[in-house]
C-alpha atoms as a PDB file:
ATOM      1  CA  MET A   1     -61.941  93.679  42.312  1.00  0.00           C
ATOM      2  CA  LYS A   2     -61.856  94.179  38.772  1.00  0.00           C
ATOM      3  CA  SER A   3     -61.604  91.801  36.219  1.00  0.00           C
ATOM      4  CA  GLU A   4     -60.508  91.938  32.680  1.00  0.00           C
ATOM      5  CA  LYS A   5     -60.764  90.518  29.593  1.00  0.00           C
ATOM      6  CA  ILE A   6     -58.433  87.751  28.380  1.00  0.00           C
ATOM      7  CA  VAL A   7     -57.806  85.257  25.954  1.00  0.00           C
ATOM      8  CA  VAL A   8     -56.441  82.000  26.486  1.00  0.00           C
ATOM      9  CA  GLY A   9     -54.985  80.398  23.104  1.00  0.00           C
ATOM     10  CA  GLN A  10     -54.207  83.403  20.904  1.00  0.00           C
ATOM     11  CA  GLY A  11     -53.493  82.758  18.293  1.00  0.00           C
ATOM     12  CA  THR A  12     -54.398  79.482  18.036  1.00  0.00           C
ATOM     13  CA  GLU A  13     -56.732  77.305  16.408  1.00  0.00           C
ATOM     14  CA  TYR A  14     -58.728  77.584  19.549  1.00  0.00           C
ATOM     15  CA  PRO A  15     -59.465  80.990  21.270  1.00  0.00           C
ATOM     16  CA  LEU A  16     -61.232  81.418  24.394  1.00  0.00           C
ATOM     17  CA  ASN A  17     -62.973  84.122  25.576  1.00  0.00           C
ATOM     18  CA  GLY A  18     -61.608  84.777  29.424  1.00  0.00           C
ATOM     19  CA  LEU A  19     -61.731  86.190  32.739  1.00  0.00           C
ATOM     20  CA  LEU A  20     -58.749  87.535  34.819  1.00  0.00           C
ATOM     21  CA  THR A  21     -60.208  89.054  38.204  1.00  0.00           C
ATOM     22  CA  LEU A  22     -57.510  90.407  40.192  1.00  0.00           C
ATOM     23  CA  PRO A  23     -56.979  92.287  43.928  1.00  0.00           C
ATOM     24  CA  ASP A  24     -58.017  95.546  44.271  1.00  0.00           C
ATOM     25  CA  ASP A  25     -54.642  95.601  46.100  1.00  0.00           C
ATOM     26  CA  LEU A  26     -51.982  95.411  43.751  1.00  0.00           C
ATOM     27  CA  THR A  27     -48.888  97.111  45.363  1.00  0.00           C
ATOM     28  CA  GLU A  28     -47.096  93.848  45.171  1.00  0.00           C
ATOM     29  CA  LYS A  29     -47.106  91.158  42.881  1.00  0.00           C
ATOM     30  CA  VAL A  30     -50.097  88.368  43.623  1.00  0.00           C
ATOM     31  CA  PRO A  31     -50.523  84.891  44.093  1.00  0.00           C
ATOM     32  CA  ALA A  32     -53.338  83.308  41.207  1.00  0.00           C
ATOM     33  CA  ALA A  33     -55.018  80.243  40.167  1.00  0.00           C
ATOM     34  CA  VAL A  34     -56.389  78.890  36.828  1.00  0.00           C
ATOM     35  CA  PHE A  35     -59.495  77.565  37.213  1.00  0.00           C
ATOM     36  CA  VAL A  36     -60.019  74.113  35.372  1.00  0.00           C
ATOM     37  CA  HIS A  37     -63.960  73.068  34.547  1.00  0.00           C
ATOM     38  CA  GLY A  38     -65.585  69.819  35.275  1.00  0.00           C
ATOM     39  CA  SER A  39     -66.426  67.500  33.058  1.00  0.00           C
ATOM     40  CA  GLY A  40     -69.381  69.236  29.577  1.00  0.00           C
ATOM     41  CA  ALA A  41     -69.078  71.257  27.701  1.00  0.00           C
ATOM     42  CA  SER A  42     -68.932  75.055  30.370  1.00  0.00           C
ATOM     43  CA  ASN A  43     -68.868  78.177  29.699  1.00  0.00           C
ATOM     44  CA  MET A  44     -65.964  80.296  32.307  1.00  0.00           C
ATOM     45  CA  ASP A  45     -68.665  80.352  35.236  1.00  0.00           C
ATOM     46  CA  GLU A  46     -68.892  76.856  35.102  1.00  0.00           C
ATOM     47  CA  LYS A  47     -72.329  77.824  34.903  1.00  0.00           C
ATOM     48  CA  ILE A  48     -74.718  74.931  35.699  1.00  0.00           C
ATOM     49  CA  PHE A  49     -78.381  76.021  35.697  1.00  0.00           C
ATOM     50  CA  ARG A  50     -78.619  78.195  38.559  1.00  0.00           C
ATOM     51  CA  LEU A  51     -75.110  77.964  40.074  1.00  0.00           C
ATOM     52  CA  THR A  52     -72.048  80.116  39.203  1.00  0.00           C
ATOM     53  CA  PRO A  53     -68.435  77.909  41.641  1.00  0.00           C
ATOM     54  CA  PHE A  54     -65.859  79.570  38.775  1.00  0.00           C
ATOM     55  CA  ARG A  55     -67.565  83.068  39.371  1.00  0.00           C
ATOM     56  CA  ASP A  56     -68.040  82.709  43.033  1.00  0.00           C
ATOM     57  CA  LEU A  57     -64.479  81.110  43.349  1.00  0.00           C
ATOM     58  CA  ALA A  58     -62.985  84.131  41.448  1.00  0.00           C
ATOM     59  CA  LYS A  59     -64.818  87.052  43.493  1.00  0.00           C
ATOM     60  CA  GLY A  60     -63.970  85.192  46.827  1.00  0.00           C
ATOM     61  CA  LEU A  61     -60.201  84.904  46.330  1.00  0.00           C
ATOM     62  CA  ALA A  62     -59.755  88.091  45.082  1.00  0.00           C
ATOM     63  CA  GLU A  63     -61.568  89.399  48.471  1.00  0.00           C
ATOM     64  CA  ARG A  64     -58.516  87.744  49.688  1.00  0.00           C
ATOM     65  CA  GLY A  65     -55.759  88.615  47.406  1.00  0.00           C
ATOM     66  CA  VAL A  66     -55.390  86.101  44.716  1.00  0.00           C
ATOM     67  CA  ALA A  67     -55.891  86.415  40.896  1.00  0.00           C
ATOM     68  CA  SER A  68     -57.574  83.388  38.700  1.00  0.00           C
ATOM     69  CA  ILE A  69     -58.600  83.000  35.934  1.00  0.00           C
ATOM     70  CA  ARG A  70     -61.259  81.639  34.128  1.00  0.00           C
ATOM     71  CA  TYR A  71     -62.635  80.830  30.027  1.00  0.00           C
ATOM     72  CA  ASP A  72     -65.409  79.233  28.578  1.00  0.00           C
ATOM     73  CA  LYS A  73     -63.903  75.503  28.165  1.00  0.00           C
ATOM     74  CA  ARG A  74     -63.044  74.246  23.884  1.00  0.00           C
ATOM     75  CA  THR A  75     -66.222  72.179  24.122  1.00  0.00           C
ATOM     76  CA  PHE A  76     -68.006  75.073  24.608  1.00  0.00           C
ATOM     77  CA  VAL A  77     -67.326  76.771  22.288  1.00  0.00           C
ATOM     78  CA  TYR A  78     -65.442  74.880  18.899  1.00  0.00           C
ATOM     79  CA  GLY A  79     -67.716  71.431  20.001  1.00  0.00           C
ATOM     80  CA  ARG A  80     -69.618  70.936  17.023  1.00  0.00           C
ATOM     81  CA  LYS A  81     -66.441  71.125  15.466  1.00  0.00           C
ATOM     82  CA  MET A  82     -64.264  69.083  17.573  1.00  0.00           C
ATOM     83  CA  ARG A  83     -66.797  66.260  17.657  1.00  0.00           C
ATOM     84  CA  LYS A  84     -65.678  65.799  13.691  1.00  0.00           C
ATOM     85  CA  GLN A  85     -62.071  64.060  15.883  1.00  0.00           C
ATOM     86  CA  ALA A  86     -61.148  61.640  17.946  1.00  0.00           C
ATOM     87  CA  VAL A  87     -60.746  63.782  21.155  1.00  0.00           C
ATOM     88  CA  THR A  88     -58.913  63.241  24.663  1.00  0.00           C
ATOM     89  CA  VAL A  89     -58.516  65.006  27.243  1.00  0.00           C
ATOM     90  CA  LYS A  90     -55.818  66.204  26.624  1.00  0.00           C
ATOM     91  CA  GLU A  91     -57.622  68.337  23.676  1.00  0.00           C
ATOM     92  CA  GLU A  92     -60.800  68.864  25.500  1.00  0.00           C
ATOM     93  CA  THR A  93     -58.919  70.255  28.647  1.00  0.00           C
ATOM     94  CA  ILE A  94     -54.808  70.062  28.976  1.00  0.00           C
ATOM     95  CA  GLU A  95     -53.910  72.192  26.527  1.00  0.00           C
ATOM     96  CA  ASP A  96     -55.813  74.998  27.401  1.00  0.00           C
ATOM     97  CA  ALA A  97     -55.066  74.977  31.198  1.00  0.00           C
ATOM     98  CA  ILE A  98     -50.701  75.521  30.235  1.00  0.00           C
ATOM     99  CA  LEU A  99     -52.085  78.148  27.805  1.00  0.00           C
ATOM    100  CA  ALA A 100     -53.763  79.787  30.951  1.00  0.00           C
ATOM    101  CA  ALA A 101     -51.051  79.080  33.213  1.00  0.00           C
ATOM    102  CA  ASP A 102     -48.058  81.076  31.320  1.00  0.00           C
ATOM    103  CA  LEU A 103     -51.198  83.582  30.188  1.00  0.00           C
ATOM    104  CA  LEU A 104     -50.975  84.377  34.265  1.00  0.00           C
ATOM    105  CA  ARG A 105     -47.514  84.075  34.589  1.00  0.00           C
ATOM    106  CA  LYS A 106     -46.371  86.723  31.455  1.00  0.00           C
ATOM    107  CA  ASP A 107     -48.385  89.188  33.814  1.00  0.00           C
ATOM    108  CA  PRO A 108     -46.525  91.493  35.575  1.00  0.00           C
ATOM    109  CA  ARG A 109     -48.953  91.846  38.261  1.00  0.00           C
ATOM    110  CA  ILE A 110     -48.913  88.003  39.399  1.00  0.00           C
ATOM    111  CA  ASP A 111     -46.171  85.881  41.496  1.00  0.00           C
ATOM    112  CA  PRO A 112     -45.070  83.664  38.216  1.00  0.00           C
ATOM    113  CA  HIS A 113     -43.655  81.546  41.150  1.00  0.00           C
ATOM    114  CA  ARG A 114     -47.028  81.611  43.303  1.00  0.00           C
ATOM    115  CA  VAL A 115     -49.450  79.697  40.713  1.00  0.00           C
ATOM    116  CA  PHE A 116     -52.224  77.568  41.337  1.00  0.00           C
ATOM    117  CA  ILE A 117     -54.077  74.809  39.288  1.00  0.00           C
ATOM    118  CA  VAL A 118     -57.989  74.911  41.334  1.00  0.00           C
ATOM    119  CA  GLY A 119     -59.233  71.707  39.276  1.00  0.00           C
ATOM    120  CA  HIS A 120     -63.385  71.156  40.319  1.00  0.00           C
ATOM    121  CA  SER A 121     -64.383  67.467  39.523  1.00  0.00           C
ATOM    122  CA  MET A 122     -62.962  65.891  36.467  1.00  0.00           C
ATOM    123  CA  GLY A 123     -60.834  68.645  36.444  1.00  0.00           C
ATOM    124  CA  ALA A 124     -59.400  67.487  40.264  1.00  0.00           C
ATOM    125  CA  MET A 125     -58.718  64.098  38.230  1.00  0.00           C
ATOM    126  CA  LEU A 126     -56.824  65.804  35.329  1.00  0.00           C
ATOM    127  CA  ALA A 127     -54.941  68.799  37.976  1.00  0.00           C
ATOM    128  CA  PRO A 128     -52.273  66.774  38.197  1.00  0.00           C
ATOM    129  CA  ARG A 129     -52.043  65.699  35.301  1.00  0.00           C
ATOM    130  CA  ILE A 130     -51.872  68.588  33.586  1.00  0.00           C
ATOM    131  CA  ASP A 131     -49.150  70.018  36.033  1.00  0.00           C
ATOM    132  CA  ALA A 132     -47.194  67.461  35.224  1.00  0.00           C
ATOM    133  CA  GLU A 133     -47.044  67.640  31.420  1.00  0.00           C
ATOM    134  CA  GLY A 134     -46.384  71.423  31.444  1.00  0.00           C
ATOM    135  CA  GLY A 135     -48.242  73.480  34.026  1.00  0.00           C
ATOM    136  CA  ASP A 136     -45.839  73.083  36.762  1.00  0.00           C
ATOM    137  CA  PHE A 137     -48.182  75.245  39.646  1.00  0.00           C
ATOM    138  CA  ARG A 138     -46.669  75.513  42.752  1.00  0.00           C
ATOM    139  CA  GLY A 139     -49.982  74.443  44.415  1.00  0.00           C
ATOM    140  CA  LEU A 140     -53.014  71.454  43.524  1.00  0.00           C
ATOM    141  CA  ILE A 141     -56.709  71.790  44.820  1.00  0.00           C
ATOM    142  CA  LEU A 142     -58.564  69.242  44.093  1.00  0.00           C
ATOM    143  CA  MET A 143     -61.913  69.725  44.397  1.00  0.00           C
ATOM    144  CA  ALA A 144     -64.552  66.927  44.855  1.00  0.00           C
ATOM    145  CA  GLY A 145     -61.689  64.969  42.897  1.00  0.00           C
ATOM    146  CA  THR A 146     -61.767  60.919  42.989  1.00  0.00           C
ATOM    147  CA  PRO A 147     -59.090  58.531  42.213  1.00  0.00           C
ATOM    148  CA  LEU A 148     -60.717  56.573  39.978  1.00  0.00           C
ATOM    149  CA  ARG A 149     -60.788  56.551  36.138  1.00  0.00           C
ATOM    150  CA  MET A 150     -63.931  58.108  34.589  1.00  0.00           C
ATOM    151  CA  GLU A 151     -65.177  55.203  33.301  1.00  0.00           C
ATOM    152  CA  GLU A 152     -65.402  54.115  36.804  1.00  0.00           C
ATOM    153  CA  VAL A 153     -67.487  57.390  38.157  1.00  0.00           C
ATOM    154  CA  MET A 154     -69.403  57.220  35.186  1.00  0.00           C
ATOM    155  CA  VAL A 155     -70.988  53.051  35.982  1.00  0.00           C
ATOM    156  CA  ARG A 156     -71.165  53.924  39.727  1.00  0.00           C
ATOM    157  CA  GLN A 157     -73.272  57.103  38.492  1.00  0.00           C
ATOM    158  CA  LEU A 158     -75.680  54.494  36.998  1.00  0.00           C
ATOM    159  CA  LYS A 159     -75.867  52.201  39.251  1.00  0.00           C
ATOM    160  CA  GLN A 160     -76.684  54.878  41.985  1.00  0.00           C
ATOM    161  CA  ALA A 161     -79.038  56.102  39.643  1.00  0.00           C
ATOM    162  CA  GLY A 162     -80.888  52.370  38.444  1.00  0.00           C
ATOM    163  CA  GLN A 163     -81.531  51.683  42.506  1.00  0.00           C
ATOM    164  CA  LYS A 164     -84.556  53.558  41.793  1.00  0.00           C
ATOM    165  CA  GLY A 165     -87.789  51.925  40.590  1.00  0.00           C
ATOM    166  CA  GLY A 166     -90.440  52.915  38.348  1.00  0.00           C
ATOM    167  CA  LEU A 167     -89.224  52.925  34.561  1.00  0.00           C
ATOM    168  CA  LEU A 168     -86.373  55.606  34.553  1.00  0.00           C
ATOM    169  CA  GLY A 169     -84.819  53.249  37.091  1.00  0.00           C
ATOM    170  CA  LEU A 170     -84.970  49.679  34.561  1.00  0.00           C
ATOM    171  CA  VAL A 171     -83.928  52.695  32.039  1.00  0.00           C
ATOM    172  CA  VAL A 172     -80.943  53.055  33.332  1.00  0.00           C
ATOM    173  CA  ARG A 173     -79.867  49.646  34.312  1.00  0.00           C
ATOM    174  CA  LEU A 174     -80.297  48.701  30.109  1.00  0.00           C
ATOM    175  CA  GLU A 175     -78.241  51.422  29.933  1.00  0.00           C
ATOM    176  CA  GLU A 176     -75.672  50.614  32.961  1.00  0.00           C
ATOM    177  CA  LYS A 177     -75.429  47.478  30.833  1.00  0.00           C
ATOM    178  CA  VAL A 178     -74.562  48.548  27.367  1.00  0.00           C
ATOM    179  CA  TYR A 179     -72.369  50.674  29.030  1.00  0.00           C
ATOM    180  CA  MET A 180     -70.267  48.270  30.881  1.00  0.00           C
ATOM    181  CA  LYS A 181     -70.453  45.805  27.898  1.00  0.00           C
ATOM    182  CA  LYS A 182     -68.658  48.583  25.346  1.00  0.00           C
ATOM    183  CA  LEU A 183     -66.041  48.971  28.304  1.00  0.00           C
ATOM    184  CA  ASP A 184     -65.350  45.410  28.511  1.00  0.00           C
ATOM    185  CA  GLY A 185     -61.821  44.552  28.396  1.00  0.00           C
ATOM    186  CA  LEU A 186     -61.160  48.820  27.262  1.00  0.00           C
ATOM    187  CA  TYR A 187     -57.055  48.484  28.806  1.00  0.00           C
ATOM    188  CA  GLU A 188     -56.530  45.459  26.322  1.00  0.00           C
ATOM    189  CA  LEU A 189     -57.730  46.847  23.078  1.00  0.00           C
ATOM    190  CA  PRO A 190     -55.451  47.998  20.852  1.00  0.00           C
ATOM    191  CA  GLU A 191     -54.971  51.525  20.736  1.00  0.00           C
ATOM    192  CA  GLU A 192     -55.982  52.121  17.033  1.00  0.00           C
ATOM    193  CA  GLU A 193     -59.136  49.778  17.385  1.00  0.00           C
ATOM    194  CA  ALA A 194     -60.006  52.445  20.769  1.00  0.00           C
ATOM    195  CA  ARG A 195     -59.485  54.973  18.341  1.00  0.00           C
ATOM    196  CA  LYS A 196     -62.485  53.934  15.834  1.00  0.00           C
ATOM    197  CA  ARG A 197     -64.702  51.936  18.558  1.00  0.00           C
ATOM    198  CA  LYS A 198     -67.319  54.949  19.006  1.00  0.00           C
ATOM    199  CA  PHE A 199     -68.527  54.933  23.042  1.00  0.00           C
ATOM    200  CA  ALA A 200     -71.216  57.148  22.854  1.00  0.00           C
ATOM    201  CA  GLY A 201     -72.478  60.213  20.387  1.00  0.00           C
ATOM    202  CA  SER A 202     -68.838  61.598  19.350  1.00  0.00           C
ATOM    203  CA  ALA A 203     -66.847  59.925  21.873  1.00  0.00           C
ATOM    204  CA  THR A 204     -64.897  56.864  21.883  1.00  0.00           C
ATOM    205  CA  LEU A 205     -62.997  54.156  23.433  1.00  0.00           C
ATOM    206  CA  TRP A 206     -59.753  55.620  23.126  1.00  0.00           C
ATOM    207  CA  TYR A 207     -60.593  59.017  25.200  1.00  0.00           C
ATOM    208  CA  PHE A 208     -62.240  56.395  28.113  1.00  0.00           C
ATOM    209  CA  ARG A 209     -58.560  54.377  27.820  1.00  0.00           C
ATOM    210  CA  GLU A 210     -56.132  57.228  26.805  1.00  0.00           C
ATOM    211  CA  MET A 211     -57.366  59.295  30.308  1.00  0.00           C
ATOM    212  CA  GLY A 212     -57.003  56.435  32.874  1.00  0.00           C
ATOM    213  CA  GLN A 213     -53.938  55.497  32.149  1.00  0.00           C
ATOM    214  CA  LYS A 214     -52.724  56.608  35.286  1.00  0.00           C
ATOM    215  CA  THR A 215     -54.748  58.856  37.434  1.00  0.00           C
ATOM    216  CA  ALA A 216     -55.124  61.762  39.779  1.00  0.00           C
ATOM    217  CA  ALA A 217     -53.764  59.318  42.766  1.00  0.00           C
ATOM    218  CA  ASP A 218     -50.910  57.813  40.839  1.00  0.00           C
ATOM    219  CA  TYR A 219     -49.823  61.652  38.756  1.00  0.00           C
ATOM    220  CA  LEU A 220     -49.849  63.244  43.013  1.00  0.00           C
ATOM    221  CA  LEU A 221     -47.538  60.366  44.240  1.00  0.00           C
ATOM    222  CA  GLU A 222     -44.780  61.388  42.114  1.00  0.00           C
ATOM    223  CA  THR A 223     -44.492  64.754  42.945  1.00  0.00           C
ATOM    224  CA  GLU A 224     -44.105  66.319  46.514  1.00  0.00           C
ATOM    225  CA  LYS A 225     -46.001  69.817  45.784  1.00  0.00           C
ATOM    226  CA  PRO A 226     -48.507  71.324  48.365  1.00  0.00           C
ATOM    227  CA  VAL A 227     -51.905  69.583  47.334  1.00  0.00           C
ATOM    228  CA  LEU A 228     -55.075  70.352  49.102  1.00  0.00           C
ATOM    229  CA  ILE A 229     -58.203  68.030  48.249  1.00  0.00           C
ATOM    230  CA  LEU A 230     -62.004  69.177  49.652  1.00  0.00           C
ATOM    231  CA  GLN A 231     -64.839  67.656  49.480  1.00  0.00           C
ATOM    232  CA  GLY A 232     -68.719  67.705  50.214  1.00  0.00           C
ATOM    233  CA  GLY A 233     -70.516  65.714  52.508  1.00  0.00           C
ATOM    234  CA  LYS A 234     -74.043  65.882  50.703  1.00  0.00           C
ATOM    235  CA  ASP A 235     -72.066  64.939  47.151  1.00  0.00           C
ATOM    236  CA  PHE A 236     -74.205  62.105  45.411  1.00  0.00           C
ATOM    237  CA  GLN A 237     -71.703  62.435  41.960  1.00  0.00           C
ATOM    238  CA  VAL A 238     -68.589  61.885  43.780  1.00  0.00           C
ATOM    239  CA  LEU A 239     -69.175  60.069  47.424  1.00  0.00           C
ATOM    240  CA  PRO A 240     -67.618  61.218  50.457  1.00  0.00           C
ATOM    241  CA  GLU A 241     -66.934  57.345  51.656  1.00  0.00           C
ATOM    242  CA  GLU A 242     -65.415  56.258  48.108  1.00  0.00           C
ATOM    243  CA  ASP A 243     -63.564  58.869  46.538  1.00  0.00           C
ATOM    244  CA  PHE A 244     -62.567  60.889  49.162  1.00  0.00           C
ATOM    245  CA  ALA A 245     -61.541  58.581  51.559  1.00  0.00           C
ATOM    246  CA  GLY A 246     -60.519  56.420  48.844  1.00  0.00           C
ATOM    247  CA  PHE A 247     -57.337  59.740  48.166  1.00  0.00           C
ATOM    248  CA  GLN A 248     -56.515  59.825  52.069  1.00  0.00           C
ATOM    249  CA  ARG A 249     -55.328  55.716  51.584  1.00  0.00           C
ATOM    250  CA  LEU A 250     -54.079  56.444  48.485  1.00  0.00           C
ATOM    251  CA  LEU A 251     -51.597  59.409  49.419  1.00  0.00           C
ATOM    252  CA  ALA A 252     -51.735  58.273  53.525  1.00  0.00           C
ATOM    253  CA  ASP A 253     -47.938  58.640  52.878  1.00  0.00           C
ATOM    254  CA  ARG A 254     -47.605  61.082  50.594  1.00  0.00           C
ATOM    255  CA  PRO A 255     -46.386  65.089  52.513  1.00  0.00           C
ATOM    256  CA  ASN A 256     -47.973  68.149  52.162  1.00  0.00           C
ATOM    257  CA  THR A 257     -50.928  66.683  51.552  1.00  0.00           C
ATOM    258  CA  GLU A 258     -54.268  68.303  53.470  1.00  0.00           C
ATOM    259  CA  TYR A 259     -57.623  67.633  53.232  1.00  0.00           C
ATOM    260  CA  ARG A 260     -61.083  68.791  54.120  1.00  0.00           C
ATOM    261  CA  LEU A 261     -65.074  67.881  54.333  1.00  0.00           C
ATOM    262  CA  TYR A 262     -67.769  70.159  54.823  1.00  0.00           C
ATOM    263  CA  GLU A 263     -70.646  67.643  55.617  1.00  0.00           C
ATOM    264  CA  ASP A 264     -73.593  70.292  54.797  1.00  0.00           C
ATOM    265  CA  LEU A 265     -72.027  70.815  50.734  1.00  0.00           C
ATOM    266  CA  ASN A 266     -72.540  69.100  47.831  1.00  0.00           C
ATOM    267  CA  HIS A 267     -70.669  68.390  44.636  1.00  0.00           C
ATOM    268  CA  LEU A 268     -70.816  72.326  43.541  1.00  0.00           C
ATOM    269  CA  PHE A 269     -69.781  73.363  46.902  1.00  0.00           C
ATOM    270  CA  VAL A 270     -72.480  74.585  47.943  1.00  0.00           C
ATOM    271  CA  LYS A 271     -75.557  73.702  51.044  1.00  0.00           C
ATOM    272  CA  GLY A 272     -77.221  70.378  49.737  1.00  0.00           C
ATOM    273  CA  ILE A 273     -80.502  69.871  49.011  1.00  0.00           C
ATOM    274  CA  TYR A 274     -81.552  65.962  48.027  1.00  0.00           C
ATOM    275  CA  SER A 275     -79.517  63.495  49.065  1.00  0.00           C
ATOM    276  CA  ASP A 276     -80.313  61.523  45.182  1.00  0.00           C
ATOM    277  CA  ILE A 277     -78.458  61.776  42.267  1.00  0.00           C
ATOM    278  CA  LEU A 278     -81.314  61.212  39.864  1.00  0.00           C
ATOM    279  CA  LYS A 279     -82.522  65.200  41.358  1.00  0.00           C
ATOM    280  CA  ALA A 280     -79.116  66.429  40.309  1.00  0.00           C
ATOM    281  CA  SER A 281     -81.039  69.444  38.138  1.00  0.00           C
ATOM    282  CA  LYS A 282     -83.948  70.260  40.833  1.00  0.00           C
ATOM    283  CA  GLU A 283     -80.459  70.597  43.473  1.00  0.00           C
ATOM    284  CA  TYR A 284     -79.176  72.528  40.944  1.00  0.00           C
ATOM    285  CA  ARG A 285     -82.215  75.150  39.754  1.00  0.00           C
ATOM    286  CA  THR A 286     -81.792  76.366  43.267  1.00  0.00           C
ATOM    287  CA  GLU A 287     -79.390  79.674  43.732  1.00  0.00           C
ATOM    288  CA  ARG A 288     -76.509  79.362  46.064  1.00  0.00           C
ATOM    289  CA  HIS A 289     -73.314  80.554  46.482  1.00  0.00           C
ATOM    290  CA  ILE A 290     -69.680  78.903  47.731  1.00  0.00           C
ATOM    291  CA  GLY A 291     -69.364  80.222  50.991  1.00  0.00           C
ATOM    292  CA  PRO A 292     -66.580  81.865  53.455  1.00  0.00           C
ATOM    293  CA  GLU A 293     -65.311  78.552  55.019  1.00  0.00           C
ATOM    294  CA  VAL A 294     -64.244  76.924  51.259  1.00  0.00           C
ATOM    295  CA  LEU A 295     -62.773  80.423  50.250  1.00  0.00           C
ATOM    296  CA  ASP A 296     -61.060  80.685  53.699  1.00  0.00           C
ATOM    297  CA  ASP A 297     -59.341  77.462  52.811  1.00  0.00           C
ATOM    298  CA  LEU A 298     -58.765  78.395  49.215  1.00  0.00           C
ATOM    299  CA  ALA A 299     -57.347  81.632  50.143  1.00  0.00           C
ATOM    300  CA  ASP A 300     -55.151  79.453  53.119  1.00  0.00           C
ATOM    301  CA  PHE A 301     -53.477  77.419  51.635  1.00  0.00           C
ATOM    302  CA  ILE A 302     -52.522  79.506  48.611  1.00  0.00           C
ATOM    303  CA  ARG A 303     -51.274  82.328  50.751  1.00  0.00           C
ATOM    304  CA  ARG A 304     -49.037  79.892  53.201  1.00  0.00           C
ATOM    305  CA  ASN A 305     -47.309  77.784  50.122  1.00  0.00           C
END
């Protein structure tokens, strides 16, 4: 395994540092994957406290004959600059994922017809749209995704946290009411008005409205490309009994769709410790790594398609 420094979007307004990780055996062209981050500003390893899921995936896939590209998220590098704009997921995520795929296809060591997308969390929600809007991947891998809209997941997480007693639970319940009021009538709001109205911080209502017009499931039902959907059984951010089951229900008649549920793993596909969304930071401060069962399933799916 070796990693080479690359730049996604070289020559654009937002060049991003990244790494191309390659298998040792390059006697033939190899398949490759683009990793797409979850929500928030993340570095190329998608580092969350002491966990580095994208680094784990890159190393594990390379050991199994699959190259990958990972890069700093645009909001991680240019967050201050982007706060001045009414950003959508197109600028935040989609454009760079397509550029990364193009970069892979131009590399003579990569099989240009076998480039896959691996989206995690919000990246999984966006992977089918990225494919439809120019990514043109051979197959899609959705890790801890959801067929729900982003605002629906956010409000549900607030409800989960608000079930707790004490002052913190009270604060979260009040925050939920504020957000619900702001989101009321979101899809009936004129676009111009949605672009102007602030939701929180620099985010506008247009961010949610633009993303929520079509869900991941909507996009998947428009293509027959192979799809692998993975979920941790101890995930308290995306729920197996709602989101994973939701995909299975909505995509029941869709061909080329595979599912994997790992009972003991959490949102980052390492062994879960707690089952409490309020302990998320504590959950992610204990160093662990993605295990072979997940890596084997990803590599097997890529090799077969």
